[in-house]
Amino acid sequence: MRVYLPATIGMLRQLVAEGELRPVSGTAFALTPALRESYTSGSTEELEYAALLDAARASLRLLASAQEPGASDDKEPPRRVVISADAEDVTLRPDLDYAVVRLAGPVRLEDVAAVHVDAPEAEQAVLAAAAVVDAADLGDPDAEFTLGDVEDHELAWYAAQELPFLLELM
């Protein structure tokens, strides 16, 4: 199953250095039966993109934690990161949300299909959105507007073999 893991730049560095990455709480997103049923229409590609966007929003939560003073990622660029990978041992978690799945183990670098990362011009919008993502989930209209600003920035696509070069440039 193709899964979308929310991540940070620091987590990408870990993936490249160690050859695998264990998602936070094993959480990832995917095109699940519950996600498919929640839409009245949409191609597989469109619904997978919806799962990817859910992972991008979850990446904002990771960034909020990573940007706290003293956090291991606090010196990394504030960019949303989503890792697209193929995983075998996946448990559906529709009780959490339509696209949520749990992975039993780490994702290996050789199972990564692509990585999606914000461009540098998105950094200010990412920081603003990371600060209000929880308020947006609780229905705050100003926070939802701020999230809309960051979601206007498309994530750039990178092949797995490009990761070392991408990270070197950051």
C-alpha atoms as a PDB file:
ATOM      1  CA  MET A   1       0.000   0.000   0.000  1.00  0.00           C
ATOM      2  CA  ARG A   2       1.266   3.477  -0.833  1.00  0.00           C
ATOM      3  CA  VAL A   3       1.498   5.511   2.365  1.00  0.00           C
ATOM      4  CA  TYR A   4       2.296   9.153   3.039  1.00  0.00           C
ATOM      5  CA  LEU A   5       4.380   9.877   6.123  1.00  0.00           C
ATOM      6  CA  PRO A   6       4.482  13.338   7.679  1.00  0.00           C
ATOM      7  CA  ALA A   7       8.059  14.348   8.375  1.00  0.00           C
ATOM      8  CA  THR A   8      10.537  17.174   8.887  1.00  0.00           C
ATOM      9  CA  ILE A   9      13.892  17.951   7.280  1.00  0.00           C
ATOM     10  CA  GLY A  10      15.588  16.422  10.343  1.00  0.00           C
ATOM     11  CA  MET A  11      13.619  13.225   9.832  1.00  0.00           C
ATOM     12  CA  LEU A  12      14.733  13.165   6.178  1.00  0.00           C
ATOM     13  CA  ARG A  13      18.340  13.436   7.359  1.00  0.00           C
ATOM     14  CA  GLN A  14      17.730  10.483   9.671  1.00  0.00           C
ATOM     15  CA  LEU A  15      16.197   8.460   6.831  1.00  0.00           C
ATOM     16  CA  VAL A  16      19.244   9.044   4.614  1.00  0.00           C
ATOM     17  CA  ALA A  17      21.779   8.470   7.409  1.00  0.00           C
ATOM     18  CA  GLU A  18      20.219   5.323   8.871  1.00  0.00           C
ATOM     19  CA  GLY A  19      18.476   3.920   5.812  1.00  0.00           C
ATOM     20  CA  GLU A  20      15.131   3.771   7.601  1.00  0.00           C
ATOM     21  CA  LEU A  21      12.696   5.931   9.515  1.00  0.00           C
ATOM     22  CA  ARG A  22      10.115   5.011  12.113  1.00  0.00           C
ATOM     23  CA  PRO A  23       7.121   7.368  11.735  1.00  0.00           C
ATOM     24  CA  VAL A  24       6.020   9.203  14.870  1.00  0.00           C
ATOM     25  CA  SER A  25       3.577   6.827  16.626  1.00  0.00           C
ATOM     26  CA  GLY A  26       3.675   4.728  13.442  1.00  0.00           C
ATOM     27  CA  THR A  27       1.256   7.206  11.891  1.00  0.00           C
ATOM     28  CA  ALA A  28       0.903   7.601   8.144  1.00  0.00           C
ATOM     29  CA  PHE A  29      -1.873   8.417   5.685  1.00  0.00           C
ATOM     30  CA  ALA A  30      -3.159   6.447   2.719  1.00  0.00           C
ATOM     31  CA  LEU A  31      -6.003   6.006   0.308  1.00  0.00           C
ATOM     32  CA  THR A  32      -8.139   3.822   2.552  1.00  0.00           C
ATOM     33  CA  PRO A  33     -11.646   2.471   1.955  1.00  0.00           C
ATOM     34  CA  ALA A  34     -12.968   5.026   4.475  1.00  0.00           C
ATOM     35  CA  LEU A  35     -11.290   7.892   2.600  1.00  0.00           C
ATOM     36  CA  ARG A  36     -12.681   6.644  -0.718  1.00  0.00           C
ATOM     37  CA  GLU A  37     -16.197   6.431   0.779  1.00  0.00           C
ATOM     38  CA  SER A  38     -15.970   9.957   2.198  1.00  0.00           C
ATOM     39  CA  TYR A  39     -15.747  11.438  -1.315  1.00  0.00           C
ATOM     40  CA  THR A  40     -18.654  11.329  -3.732  1.00  0.00           C
ATOM     41  CA  SER A  41     -16.272  11.241  -6.688  1.00  0.00           C
ATOM     42  CA  GLY A  42     -12.607  11.380  -7.503  1.00  0.00           C
ATOM     43  CA  SER A  43     -10.008   9.316  -9.266  1.00  0.00           C
ATOM     44  CA  THR A  44      -7.489   7.223  -7.379  1.00  0.00           C
ATOM     45  CA  GLU A  45      -4.866   9.874  -8.108  1.00  0.00           C
ATOM     46  CA  GLU A  46      -7.059  12.649  -6.688  1.00  0.00           C
ATOM     47  CA  LEU A  47      -7.813  10.663  -3.539  1.00  0.00           C
ATOM     48  CA  GLU A  48      -4.151   9.786  -3.018  1.00  0.00           C
ATOM     49  CA  TYR A  49      -3.430  13.509  -3.280  1.00  0.00           C
ATOM     50  CA  ALA A  50      -6.005  14.109  -0.525  1.00  0.00           C
ATOM     51  CA  ALA A  51      -4.121  11.622   1.689  1.00  0.00           C
ATOM     52  CA  LEU A  52      -0.847  13.389   0.857  1.00  0.00           C
ATOM     53  CA  LEU A  53      -2.380  16.726   1.906  1.00  0.00           C
ATOM     54  CA  ASP A  54      -3.483  15.175   5.209  1.00  0.00           C
ATOM     55  CA  ALA A  55       0.124  14.102   5.752  1.00  0.00           C
ATOM     56  CA  ALA A  56       1.332  17.620   4.881  1.00  0.00           C
ATOM     57  CA  ARG A  57      -0.983  19.037   7.542  1.00  0.00           C
ATOM     58  CA  ALA A  58       0.363  16.501  10.051  1.00  0.00           C
ATOM     59  CA  SER A  59       3.866  17.632   9.099  1.00  0.00           C
ATOM     60  CA  LEU A  60       2.903  21.077  10.423  1.00  0.00           C
ATOM     61  CA  ARG A  61       2.335  19.530  13.858  1.00  0.00           C
ATOM     62  CA  LEU A  62       5.787  17.944  13.744  1.00  0.00           C
ATOM     63  CA  LEU A  63       7.253  21.297  12.722  1.00  0.00           C
ATOM     64  CA  ALA A  64       5.552  23.047  15.629  1.00  0.00           C
ATOM     65  CA  SER A  65       7.359  20.675  18.001  1.00  0.00           C
ATOM     66  CA  ALA A  66      10.616  20.808  16.044  1.00  0.00           C
ATOM     67  CA  GLN A  67      10.786  24.612  16.156  1.00  0.00           C
ATOM     68  CA  GLU A  68      10.626  24.808  19.949  1.00  0.00           C
ATOM     69  CA  PRO A  69      13.905  26.044  21.481  1.00  0.00           C
ATOM     70  CA  GLY A  70      16.221  23.165  22.248  1.00  0.00           C
ATOM     71  CA  ALA A  71      14.451  20.703  19.942  1.00  0.00           C
ATOM     72  CA  SER A  72      16.739  18.624  17.772  1.00  0.00           C
ATOM     73  CA  ASP A  73      15.269  20.103  14.562  1.00  0.00           C
ATOM     74  CA  ASP A  74      15.084  23.739  15.659  1.00  0.00           C
ATOM     75  CA  LYS A  75      17.908  24.755  13.276  1.00  0.00           C
ATOM     76  CA  GLU A  76      16.406  22.998  10.230  1.00  0.00           C
ATOM     77  CA  PRO A  77      14.470  24.964   7.609  1.00  0.00           C
ATOM     78  CA  PRO A  78      10.746  25.056   8.417  1.00  0.00           C
ATOM     79  CA  ARG A  79       9.332  23.093   5.513  1.00  0.00           C
ATOM     80  CA  ARG A  80       6.522  20.582   5.281  1.00  0.00           C
ATOM     81  CA  VAL A  81       7.820  17.165   4.279  1.00  0.00           C
ATOM     82  CA  VAL A  82       5.829  14.145   3.128  1.00  0.00           C
ATOM     83  CA  ILE A  83       7.500  10.831   2.377  1.00  0.00           C
ATOM     84  CA  SER A  84       5.661   8.606  -0.111  1.00  0.00           C
ATOM     85  CA  ALA A  85       6.537   4.960   0.437  1.00  0.00           C
ATOM     86  CA  ASP A  86       5.253   1.462  -0.081  1.00  0.00           C
ATOM     87  CA  ALA A  87       4.471  -0.429   3.119  1.00  0.00           C
ATOM     88  CA  GLU A  88       3.216  -3.947   3.748  1.00  0.00           C
ATOM     89  CA  ASP A  89       2.164  -4.163   7.411  1.00  0.00           C
ATOM     90  CA  VAL A  90      -0.481  -1.417   7.598  1.00  0.00           C
ATOM     91  CA  THR A  91      -3.422  -1.185   9.994  1.00  0.00           C
ATOM     92  CA  LEU A  92      -6.372   1.009   9.036  1.00  0.00           C
ATOM     93  CA  ARG A  93      -7.399   3.536  11.707  1.00  0.00           C
ATOM     94  CA  PRO A  94     -10.707   5.098  10.576  1.00  0.00           C
ATOM     95  CA  ASP A  95     -11.455   5.830  14.242  1.00  0.00           C
ATOM     96  CA  LEU A  96      -8.763   8.531  14.054  1.00  0.00           C
ATOM     97  CA  ASP A  97      -9.552   9.876  10.590  1.00  0.00           C
ATOM     98  CA  TYR A  98     -10.477   8.524   7.175  1.00  0.00           C
ATOM     99  CA  ALA A  99      -6.923   8.397   5.782  1.00  0.00           C
ATOM    100  CA  VAL A 100      -4.999   7.428   8.926  1.00  0.00           C
ATOM    101  CA  VAL A 101      -3.058   4.174   9.011  1.00  0.00           C
ATOM    102  CA  ARG A 102      -0.529   2.775  11.450  1.00  0.00           C
ATOM    103  CA  LEU A 103       2.680   1.123  10.337  1.00  0.00           C
ATOM    104  CA  ALA A 104       4.046  -1.804  12.312  1.00  0.00           C
ATOM    105  CA  GLY A 105       7.673  -0.910  11.714  1.00  0.00           C
ATOM    106  CA  PRO A 106      10.065   1.519  10.106  1.00  0.00           C
ATOM    107  CA  VAL A 107      10.026   2.573   6.469  1.00  0.00           C
ATOM    108  CA  ARG A 108      13.216   1.658   4.642  1.00  0.00           C
ATOM    109  CA  LEU A 109      14.860   4.059   2.222  1.00  0.00           C
ATOM    110  CA  GLU A 110      14.546   1.496  -0.590  1.00  0.00           C
ATOM    111  CA  ASP A 111      10.752   1.535  -0.111  1.00  0.00           C
ATOM    112  CA  VAL A 112      10.529   5.311  -0.611  1.00  0.00           C
ATOM    113  CA  ALA A 113       8.890   6.227  -3.902  1.00  0.00           C
ATOM    114  CA  ALA A 114       9.254  10.003  -3.603  1.00  0.00           C
ATOM    115  CA  VAL A 115       9.590  12.856  -1.163  1.00  0.00           C
ATOM    116  CA  HIS A 116       7.544  16.059  -1.252  1.00  0.00           C
ATOM    117  CA  VAL A 117       9.068  19.201   0.311  1.00  0.00           C
ATOM    118  CA  ASP A 118       8.146  22.873   0.474  1.00  0.00           C
ATOM    119  CA  ALA A 119      10.258  25.360  -1.473  1.00  0.00           C
ATOM    120  CA  PRO A 120      12.117  28.087   0.473  1.00  0.00           C
ATOM    121  CA  GLU A 121       9.490  30.724  -0.382  1.00  0.00           C
ATOM    122  CA  ALA A 122       6.920  28.799   1.666  1.00  0.00           C
ATOM    123  CA  GLU A 123       8.866  29.039   4.946  1.00  0.00           C
ATOM    124  CA  GLN A 124       7.027  32.045   6.423  1.00  0.00           C
ATOM    125  CA  ALA A 125       3.631  30.558   5.594  1.00  0.00           C
ATOM    126  CA  VAL A 126       4.759  27.223   7.074  1.00  0.00           C
ATOM    127  CA  LEU A 127       5.835  28.857  10.336  1.00  0.00           C
ATOM    128  CA  ALA A 128       2.553  30.752  10.597  1.00  0.00           C
ATOM    129  CA  ALA A 129       0.507  27.608   9.874  1.00  0.00           C
ATOM    130  CA  ALA A 130       2.484  25.444  12.300  1.00  0.00           C
ATOM    131  CA  ALA A 131       1.649  27.935  15.049  1.00  0.00           C
ATOM    132  CA  VAL A 132      -2.120  27.674  14.453  1.00  0.00           C
ATOM    133  CA  VAL A 133      -2.753  24.172  13.076  1.00  0.00           C
ATOM    134  CA  ASP A 134      -4.434  22.965  16.279  1.00  0.00           C
ATOM    135  CA  ALA A 135      -6.684  26.043  16.430  1.00  0.00           C
ATOM    136  CA  ALA A 136      -7.689  25.438  12.803  1.00  0.00           C
ATOM    137  CA  ASP A 137      -8.684  21.875  13.664  1.00  0.00           C
ATOM    138  CA  LEU A 138     -10.901  23.286  16.395  1.00  0.00           C
ATOM    139  CA  GLY A 139     -12.684  25.543  13.891  1.00  0.00           C
ATOM    140  CA  ASP A 140     -10.948  28.904  14.344  1.00  0.00           C
ATOM    141  CA  PRO A 141     -11.675  30.734  11.051  1.00  0.00           C
ATOM    142  CA  ASP A 142      -8.530  32.910  11.233  1.00  0.00           C
ATOM    143  CA  ALA A 143      -6.373  29.824  11.772  1.00  0.00           C
ATOM    144  CA  GLU A 144      -8.114  28.073   8.872  1.00  0.00           C
ATOM    145  CA  PHE A 145      -7.294  31.074   6.680  1.00  0.00           C
ATOM    146  CA  THR A 146      -3.642  30.818   7.707  1.00  0.00           C
ATOM    147  CA  LEU A 147      -3.638  27.121   6.816  1.00  0.00           C
ATOM    148  CA  GLY A 148      -5.106  28.022   3.451  1.00  0.00           C
ATOM    149  CA  ASP A 149      -2.113  30.290   2.840  1.00  0.00           C
ATOM    150  CA  VAL A 150       0.377  27.456   3.339  1.00  0.00           C
ATOM    151  CA  GLU A 151      -1.729  25.029   1.313  1.00  0.00           C
ATOM    152  CA  ASP A 152      -1.459  27.450  -1.622  1.00  0.00           C
ATOM    153  CA  HIS A 153       2.212  26.414  -1.794  1.00  0.00           C
ATOM    154  CA  GLU A 154       2.661  23.211  -3.781  1.00  0.00           C
ATOM    155  CA  LEU A 155       5.099  20.670  -2.432  1.00  0.00           C
ATOM    156  CA  ALA A 156       8.054  19.976  -4.727  1.00  0.00           C
ATOM    157  CA  TRP A 157       8.617  16.351  -5.780  1.00  0.00           C
ATOM    158  CA  TYR A 158      11.980  14.595  -5.345  1.00  0.00           C
ATOM    159  CA  ALA A 159      13.006  11.060  -6.207  1.00  0.00           C
ATOM    160  CA  ALA A 160      14.517   9.050  -3.352  1.00  0.00           C
ATOM    161  CA  GLN A 161      17.969   9.074  -4.973  1.00  0.00           C
ATOM    162  CA  GLU A 162      17.898  12.895  -4.949  1.00  0.00           C
ATOM    163  CA  LEU A 163      17.595  13.128  -1.141  1.00  0.00           C
ATOM    164  CA  PRO A 164      21.321  13.383  -0.330  1.00  0.00           C
ATOM    165  CA  PHE A 165      21.675  16.268  -2.813  1.00  0.00           C
ATOM    166  CA  LEU A 166      18.533  18.004  -1.548  1.00  0.00           C
ATOM    167  CA  LEU A 167      19.740  17.801   2.045  1.00  0.00           C
ATOM    168  CA  GLU A 168      23.210  19.038   1.091  1.00  0.00           C
ATOM    169  CA  LEU A 169      21.640  22.184  -0.336  1.00  0.00           C
ATOM    170  CA  MET A 170      19.745  22.977   2.874  1.00  0.00           C
END
